[in-house]
């Protein structure tokens, strides 16, 4: 019965987040097609439900697999559902986004926050199956390169080293937070054991 409460709470939170944040961002980036928005909302619901199950210690292998699948499905949707831009450009300046932000580009702020925020959770997701931080970092950065390469191949954006550098910042932040969280859990369990 407790899981139903988590599901209802996840439903309310995902609707709130989707209506006030995700749908607005999708409209800005030209992805306002309603079937896509529904799929994205379903993924948000799964991610929030799994996060609640994780933090309340009710998480099992089924929830891990569901979370892993939803996370990477959302990544593929974010990359490939955008309209075909008809261009294949390679941006080799890893700090180009900082220059754009300096000159006042508000869309670069959104891209900056999205790239860091989205990839910050990748070490948590990959950590479900990869225990070593070094391997987790390498796999996460490889996935970032793969994402940029897919954008180049399918004409969905620019192969941008600036985005990859933001992915690396997000991945490092994610590994740092994950380690701090695990240290906190370890200290908490030692206090309860004594």
C-alpha atoms as a PDB file:
ATOM      1  CA  UNK A   1       0.000   0.000   0.000  1.00  0.00           C
ATOM      2  CA  UNK A   2       2.934   2.308   0.673  1.00  0.00           C
ATOM      3  CA  UNK A   3       3.983   2.149  -2.998  1.00  0.00           C
ATOM      4  CA  UNK A   4       0.625   3.602  -4.063  1.00  0.00           C
ATOM      5  CA  UNK A   5       1.324   6.707  -1.975  1.00  0.00           C
ATOM      6  CA  UNK A   6       4.700   7.076  -3.680  1.00  0.00           C
ATOM      7  CA  UNK A   7       3.070   6.652  -7.076  1.00  0.00           C
ATOM      8  CA  UNK A   8       0.459   9.347  -6.342  1.00  0.00           C
ATOM      9  CA  UNK A   9       3.135  11.705  -5.010  1.00  0.00           C
ATOM     10  CA  UNK A  10       5.239  11.017  -8.123  1.00  0.00           C
ATOM     11  CA  UNK A  11       2.237  11.721 -10.331  1.00  0.00           C
ATOM     12  CA  UNK A  12       1.617  15.101  -8.691  1.00  0.00           C
ATOM     13  CA  UNK A  13       5.300  16.094  -8.747  1.00  0.00           C
ATOM     14  CA  UNK A  14       5.808  15.010 -12.359  1.00  0.00           C
ATOM     15  CA  UNK A  15       2.711  16.911 -13.530  1.00  0.00           C
ATOM     16  CA  UNK A  16       3.877  20.035 -11.709  1.00  0.00           C
ATOM     17  CA  UNK A  17       7.432  19.805 -13.078  1.00  0.00           C
ATOM     18  CA  UNK A  18       6.239  18.980 -16.574  1.00  0.00           C
ATOM     19  CA  UNK A  19       3.662  21.767 -16.752  1.00  0.00           C
ATOM     20  CA  UNK A  20       5.837  24.530 -15.332  1.00  0.00           C
ATOM     21  CA  UNK A  21       9.319  23.546 -16.519  1.00  0.00           C
ATOM     22  CA  UNK A  22       9.629  20.795 -19.117  1.00  0.00           C
ATOM     23  CA  UNK A  23       6.748  21.773 -21.405  1.00  0.00           C
ATOM     24  CA  UNK A  24       7.928  25.386 -21.455  1.00  0.00           C
ATOM     25  CA  UNK A  25      11.494  24.356 -22.341  1.00  0.00           C
ATOM     26  CA  UNK A  26      10.224  21.974 -25.009  1.00  0.00           C
ATOM     27  CA  UNK A  27       8.197  24.801 -26.594  1.00  0.00           C
ATOM     28  CA  UNK A  28      11.253  27.074 -26.566  1.00  0.00           C
ATOM     29  CA  UNK A  29      13.355  24.437 -28.331  1.00  0.00           C
ATOM     30  CA  UNK A  30      10.641  23.630 -30.870  1.00  0.00           C
ATOM     31  CA  UNK A  31       9.612  20.242 -29.470  1.00  0.00           C
ATOM     32  CA  UNK A  32       6.042  21.156 -28.563  1.00  0.00           C
ATOM     33  CA  UNK A  33       4.446  18.192 -30.333  1.00  0.00           C
ATOM     34  CA  UNK A  34       2.057  16.696 -27.760  1.00  0.00           C
ATOM     35  CA  UNK A  35       2.821  12.973 -28.240  1.00  0.00           C
ATOM     36  CA  UNK A  36       6.484  13.725 -27.495  1.00  0.00           C
ATOM     37  CA  UNK A  37       5.489  15.758 -24.449  1.00  0.00           C
ATOM     38  CA  UNK A  38       3.389  12.838 -23.195  1.00  0.00           C
ATOM     39  CA  UNK A  39       6.316  10.425 -23.577  1.00  0.00           C
ATOM     40  CA  UNK A  40       8.602  12.862 -21.758  1.00  0.00           C
ATOM     41  CA  UNK A  41       6.044  13.247 -18.949  1.00  0.00           C
ATOM     42  CA  UNK A  42       5.836   9.443 -18.588  1.00  0.00           C
ATOM     43  CA  UNK A  43       9.614   9.282 -18.308  1.00  0.00           C
ATOM     44  CA  UNK A  44       9.572  12.048 -15.688  1.00  0.00           C
ATOM     45  CA  UNK A  45       6.976  10.085 -13.734  1.00  0.00           C
ATOM     46  CA  UNK A  46       9.150   6.949 -13.777  1.00  0.00           C
ATOM     47  CA  UNK A  47      12.270   8.876 -12.745  1.00  0.00           C
ATOM     48  CA  UNK A  48      10.533  10.641  -9.845  1.00  0.00           C
ATOM     49  CA  UNK A  49       8.888   7.407  -8.673  1.00  0.00           C
ATOM     50  CA  UNK A  50      12.208   5.570  -8.774  1.00  0.00           C
ATOM     51  CA  UNK A  51      13.951   8.419  -6.953  1.00  0.00           C
ATOM     52  CA  UNK A  52      11.339   8.235  -4.180  1.00  0.00           C
ATOM     53  CA  UNK A  53      11.731   4.471  -3.973  1.00  0.00           C
ATOM     54  CA  UNK A  54      15.520   4.859  -3.830  1.00  0.00           C
ATOM     55  CA  UNK A  55      15.532   7.423  -1.046  1.00  0.00           C
ATOM     56  CA  UNK A  56      13.004   5.472   1.024  1.00  0.00           C
ATOM     57  CA  UNK A  57      15.008   2.227   0.741  1.00  0.00           C
ATOM     58  CA  UNK A  58      12.255   0.387  -1.179  1.00  0.00           C
ATOM     59  CA  UNK A  59      14.345   0.167  -4.333  1.00  0.00           C
ATOM     60  CA  UNK A  60      14.863  -3.213  -5.958  1.00  0.00           C
ATOM     61  CA  UNK A  61      16.394  -4.528  -9.192  1.00  0.00           C
ATOM     62  CA  UNK A  62      13.193  -3.893 -11.153  1.00  0.00           C
ATOM     63  CA  UNK A  63      13.236  -0.222 -10.149  1.00  0.00           C
ATOM     64  CA  UNK A  64      16.919   0.064 -11.091  1.00  0.00           C
ATOM     65  CA  UNK A  65      16.315  -1.337 -14.553  1.00  0.00           C
ATOM     66  CA  UNK A  66      13.247   0.873 -15.043  1.00  0.00           C
ATOM     67  CA  UNK A  67      15.199   3.980 -13.983  1.00  0.00           C
ATOM     68  CA  UNK A  68      18.168   3.081 -16.211  1.00  0.00           C
ATOM     69  CA  UNK A  69      15.877   2.529 -19.203  1.00  0.00           C
ATOM     70  CA  UNK A  70      13.898   5.751 -18.608  1.00  0.00           C
ATOM     71  CA  UNK A  71      17.033   7.865 -18.200  1.00  0.00           C
ATOM     72  CA  UNK A  72      18.613   6.726 -21.451  1.00  0.00           C
ATOM     73  CA  UNK A  73      15.306   6.816 -23.333  1.00  0.00           C
ATOM     74  CA  UNK A  74      14.922  10.457 -22.304  1.00  0.00           C
ATOM     75  CA  UNK A  75      18.488  11.126 -23.465  1.00  0.00           C
ATOM     76  CA  UNK A  76      17.738   9.634 -26.892  1.00  0.00           C
ATOM     77  CA  UNK A  77      14.511  11.641 -27.151  1.00  0.00           C
ATOM     78  CA  UNK A  78      16.306  14.849 -26.181  1.00  0.00           C
ATOM     79  CA  UNK A  79      18.916  14.213 -28.872  1.00  0.00           C
ATOM     80  CA  UNK A  80      17.043  12.816 -31.833  1.00  0.00           C
ATOM     81  CA  UNK A  81      13.471  14.101 -31.704  1.00  0.00           C
ATOM     82  CA  UNK A  82      14.546  17.650 -32.479  1.00  0.00           C
ATOM     83  CA  UNK A  83      13.934  18.825 -36.013  1.00  0.00           C
ATOM     84  CA  UNK A  84      16.506  18.149 -38.715  1.00  0.00           C
ATOM     85  CA  UNK A  85      18.667  21.264 -38.929  1.00  0.00           C
ATOM     86  CA  UNK A  86      20.181  20.159 -42.220  1.00  0.00           C
ATOM     87  CA  UNK A  87      23.699  21.034 -41.136  1.00  0.00           C
ATOM     88  CA  UNK A  88      26.736  19.165 -39.925  1.00  0.00           C
ATOM     89  CA  UNK A  89      29.062  21.491 -38.047  1.00  0.00           C
ATOM     90  CA  UNK A  90      31.976  20.670 -35.788  1.00  0.00           C
ATOM     91  CA  UNK A  91      32.768  23.231 -33.061  1.00  0.00           C
ATOM     92  CA  UNK A  92      36.239  22.528 -31.691  1.00  0.00           C
ATOM     93  CA  UNK A  93      36.379  25.394 -29.171  1.00  0.00           C
ATOM     94  CA  UNK A  94      35.617  23.852 -25.759  1.00  0.00           C
ATOM     95  CA  UNK A  95      34.866  27.279 -24.253  1.00  0.00           C
ATOM     96  CA  UNK A  96      32.557  28.659 -26.963  1.00  0.00           C
ATOM     97  CA  UNK A  97      29.543  28.527 -24.649  1.00  0.00           C
ATOM     98  CA  UNK A  98      31.344  30.730 -22.106  1.00  0.00           C
ATOM     99  CA  UNK A  99      31.970  33.338 -24.810  1.00  0.00           C
ATOM    100  CA  UNK A 100      28.285  33.280 -25.784  1.00  0.00           C
ATOM    101  CA  UNK A 101      27.208  33.639 -22.150  1.00  0.00           C
ATOM    102  CA  UNK A 102      29.629  36.544 -21.719  1.00  0.00           C
ATOM    103  CA  UNK A 103      28.026  38.339 -24.672  1.00  0.00           C
ATOM    104  CA  UNK A 104      24.546  37.866 -23.205  1.00  0.00           C
ATOM    105  CA  UNK A 105      23.032  34.829 -24.920  1.00  0.00           C
ATOM    106  CA  UNK A 106      20.157  33.641 -22.700  1.00  0.00           C
ATOM    107  CA  UNK A 107      19.730  30.426 -24.683  1.00  0.00           C
ATOM    108  CA  UNK A 108      23.318  29.453 -23.845  1.00  0.00           C
ATOM    109  CA  UNK A 109      22.414  29.682 -20.153  1.00  0.00           C
ATOM    110  CA  UNK A 110      19.654  27.134 -20.755  1.00  0.00           C
ATOM    111  CA  UNK A 111      22.017  24.864 -22.712  1.00  0.00           C
ATOM    112  CA  UNK A 112      24.676  25.332 -20.014  1.00  0.00           C
ATOM    113  CA  UNK A 113      22.294  24.315 -17.218  1.00  0.00           C
ATOM    114  CA  UNK A 114      20.748  21.461 -19.226  1.00  0.00           C
ATOM    115  CA  UNK A 115      24.086  19.897 -20.191  1.00  0.00           C
ATOM    116  CA  UNK A 116      25.530  20.041 -16.695  1.00  0.00           C
ATOM    117  CA  UNK A 117      22.273  19.032 -15.008  1.00  0.00           C
ATOM    118  CA  UNK A 118      21.432  16.160 -17.312  1.00  0.00           C
ATOM    119  CA  UNK A 119      24.865  14.583 -17.256  1.00  0.00           C
ATOM    120  CA  UNK A 120      25.247  15.145 -13.514  1.00  0.00           C
ATOM    121  CA  UNK A 121      22.922  12.196 -12.931  1.00  0.00           C
ATOM    122  CA  UNK A 122      24.718   9.899 -15.358  1.00  0.00           C
ATOM    123  CA  UNK A 123      27.241   8.609 -12.748  1.00  0.00           C
ATOM    124  CA  UNK A 124      24.299   7.658 -10.509  1.00  0.00           C
ATOM    125  CA  UNK A 125      22.581   5.795 -13.335  1.00  0.00           C
ATOM    126  CA  UNK A 126      25.738   4.072 -14.573  1.00  0.00           C
ATOM    127  CA  UNK A 127      26.720   3.417 -10.952  1.00  0.00           C
ATOM    128  CA  UNK A 128      23.856   0.946 -10.765  1.00  0.00           C
ATOM    129  CA  UNK A 129      25.967  -1.398 -12.881  1.00  0.00           C
ATOM    130  CA  UNK A 130      29.524   0.024 -12.669  1.00  0.00           C
ATOM    131  CA  UNK A 131      31.116   0.218  -9.225  1.00  0.00           C
ATOM    132  CA  UNK A 132      34.456   1.904 -10.035  1.00  0.00           C
ATOM    133  CA  UNK A 133      34.393   5.715 -10.246  1.00  0.00           C
ATOM    134  CA  UNK A 134      37.127   5.681 -12.895  1.00  0.00           C
ATOM    135  CA  UNK A 135      35.213   3.283 -15.148  1.00  0.00           C
ATOM    136  CA  UNK A 136      32.002   5.188 -14.474  1.00  0.00           C
ATOM    137  CA  UNK A 137      33.689   8.445 -15.525  1.00  0.00           C
ATOM    138  CA  UNK A 138      35.129   6.904 -18.701  1.00  0.00           C
ATOM    139  CA  UNK A 139      31.794   5.343 -19.710  1.00  0.00           C
ATOM    140  CA  UNK A 140      29.913   8.578 -18.979  1.00  0.00           C
ATOM    141  CA  UNK A 141      32.317  10.716 -21.040  1.00  0.00           C
ATOM    142  CA  UNK A 142      32.158   8.153 -23.867  1.00  0.00           C
ATOM    143  CA  UNK A 143      28.358   8.427 -23.835  1.00  0.00           C
ATOM    144  CA  UNK A 144      28.731  12.225 -24.045  1.00  0.00           C
ATOM    145  CA  UNK A 145      30.983  11.843 -27.111  1.00  0.00           C
ATOM    146  CA  UNK A 146      28.475   9.397 -28.577  1.00  0.00           C
ATOM    147  CA  UNK A 147      25.626  11.879 -28.035  1.00  0.00           C
ATOM    148  CA  UNK A 148      27.520  14.630 -29.838  1.00  0.00           C
ATOM    149  CA  UNK A 149      28.485  12.242 -32.645  1.00  0.00           C
ATOM    150  CA  UNK A 150      24.834  11.189 -33.066  1.00  0.00           C
ATOM    151  CA  UNK A 151      23.829  14.852 -33.341  1.00  0.00           C
ATOM    152  CA  UNK A 152      26.396  15.296 -36.104  1.00  0.00           C
ATOM    153  CA  UNK A 153      25.381  12.155 -38.010  1.00  0.00           C
ATOM    154  CA  UNK A 154      21.612  12.780 -37.825  1.00  0.00           C
ATOM    155  CA  UNK A 155      21.881  16.574 -38.417  1.00  0.00           C
ATOM    156  CA  UNK A 156      20.263  17.341 -35.045  1.00  0.00           C
ATOM    157  CA  UNK A 157      22.849  19.790 -33.835  1.00  0.00           C
ATOM    158  CA  UNK A 158      26.517  20.601 -33.701  1.00  0.00           C
ATOM    159  CA  UNK A 159      29.357  18.344 -32.613  1.00  0.00           C
ATOM    160  CA  UNK A 160      30.490  20.754 -29.922  1.00  0.00           C
ATOM    161  CA  UNK A 161      33.508  20.280 -27.675  1.00  0.00           C
ATOM    162  CA  UNK A 162      31.969  22.969 -25.460  1.00  0.00           C
ATOM    163  CA  UNK A 163      29.042  20.652 -24.752  1.00  0.00           C
ATOM    164  CA  UNK A 164      31.419  17.790 -24.025  1.00  0.00           C
ATOM    165  CA  UNK A 165      33.337  19.960 -21.557  1.00  0.00           C
ATOM    166  CA  UNK A 166      30.017  20.779 -19.853  1.00  0.00           C
ATOM    167  CA  UNK A 167      29.210  17.053 -19.774  1.00  0.00           C
ATOM    168  CA  UNK A 168      32.542  16.425 -18.046  1.00  0.00           C
ATOM    169  CA  UNK A 169      31.780  19.119 -15.447  1.00  0.00           C
ATOM    170  CA  UNK A 170      28.356  17.575 -14.843  1.00  0.00           C
ATOM    171  CA  UNK A 171      29.791  14.060 -14.614  1.00  0.00           C
ATOM    172  CA  UNK A 172      32.456  15.157 -12.126  1.00  0.00           C
ATOM    173  CA  UNK A 173      29.817  16.938 -10.026  1.00  0.00           C
ATOM    174  CA  UNK A 174      27.676  13.809 -10.147  1.00  0.00           C
ATOM    175  CA  UNK A 175      30.534  11.573  -9.008  1.00  0.00           C
ATOM    176  CA  UNK A 176      31.370  14.020  -6.199  1.00  0.00           C
ATOM    177  CA  UNK A 177      27.763  14.180  -4.960  1.00  0.00           C
ATOM    178  CA  UNK A 178      27.379  10.405  -5.279  1.00  0.00           C
ATOM    179  CA  UNK A 179      30.498   9.809  -3.189  1.00  0.00           C
ATOM    180  CA  UNK A 180      29.416  12.346  -0.557  1.00  0.00           C
ATOM    181  CA  UNK A 181      26.002  10.680  -0.391  1.00  0.00           C
ATOM    182  CA  UNK A 182      27.542   7.213   0.049  1.00  0.00           C
ATOM    183  CA  UNK A 183      29.906   8.518   2.767  1.00  0.00           C
ATOM    184  CA  UNK A 184      26.911  10.094   4.502  1.00  0.00           C
ATOM    185  CA  UNK A 185      24.977   6.813   4.328  1.00  0.00           C
ATOM    186  CA  UNK A 186      27.975   4.895   5.676  1.00  0.00           C
ATOM    187  CA  UNK A 187      28.363   7.311   8.612  1.00  0.00           C
ATOM    188  CA  UNK A 188      24.639   7.170   9.283  1.00  0.00           C
ATOM    189  CA  UNK A 189      24.624   3.359   9.340  1.00  0.00           C
ATOM    190  CA  UNK A 190      27.644   3.305  11.681  1.00  0.00           C
ATOM    191  CA  UNK A 191      25.834   5.629  14.101  1.00  0.00           C
ATOM    192  CA  UNK A 192      22.753   3.379  14.051  1.00  0.00           C
ATOM    193  CA  UNK A 193      24.884   0.262  14.565  1.00  0.00           C
ATOM    194  CA  UNK A 194      26.510   1.702  17.699  1.00  0.00           C
END
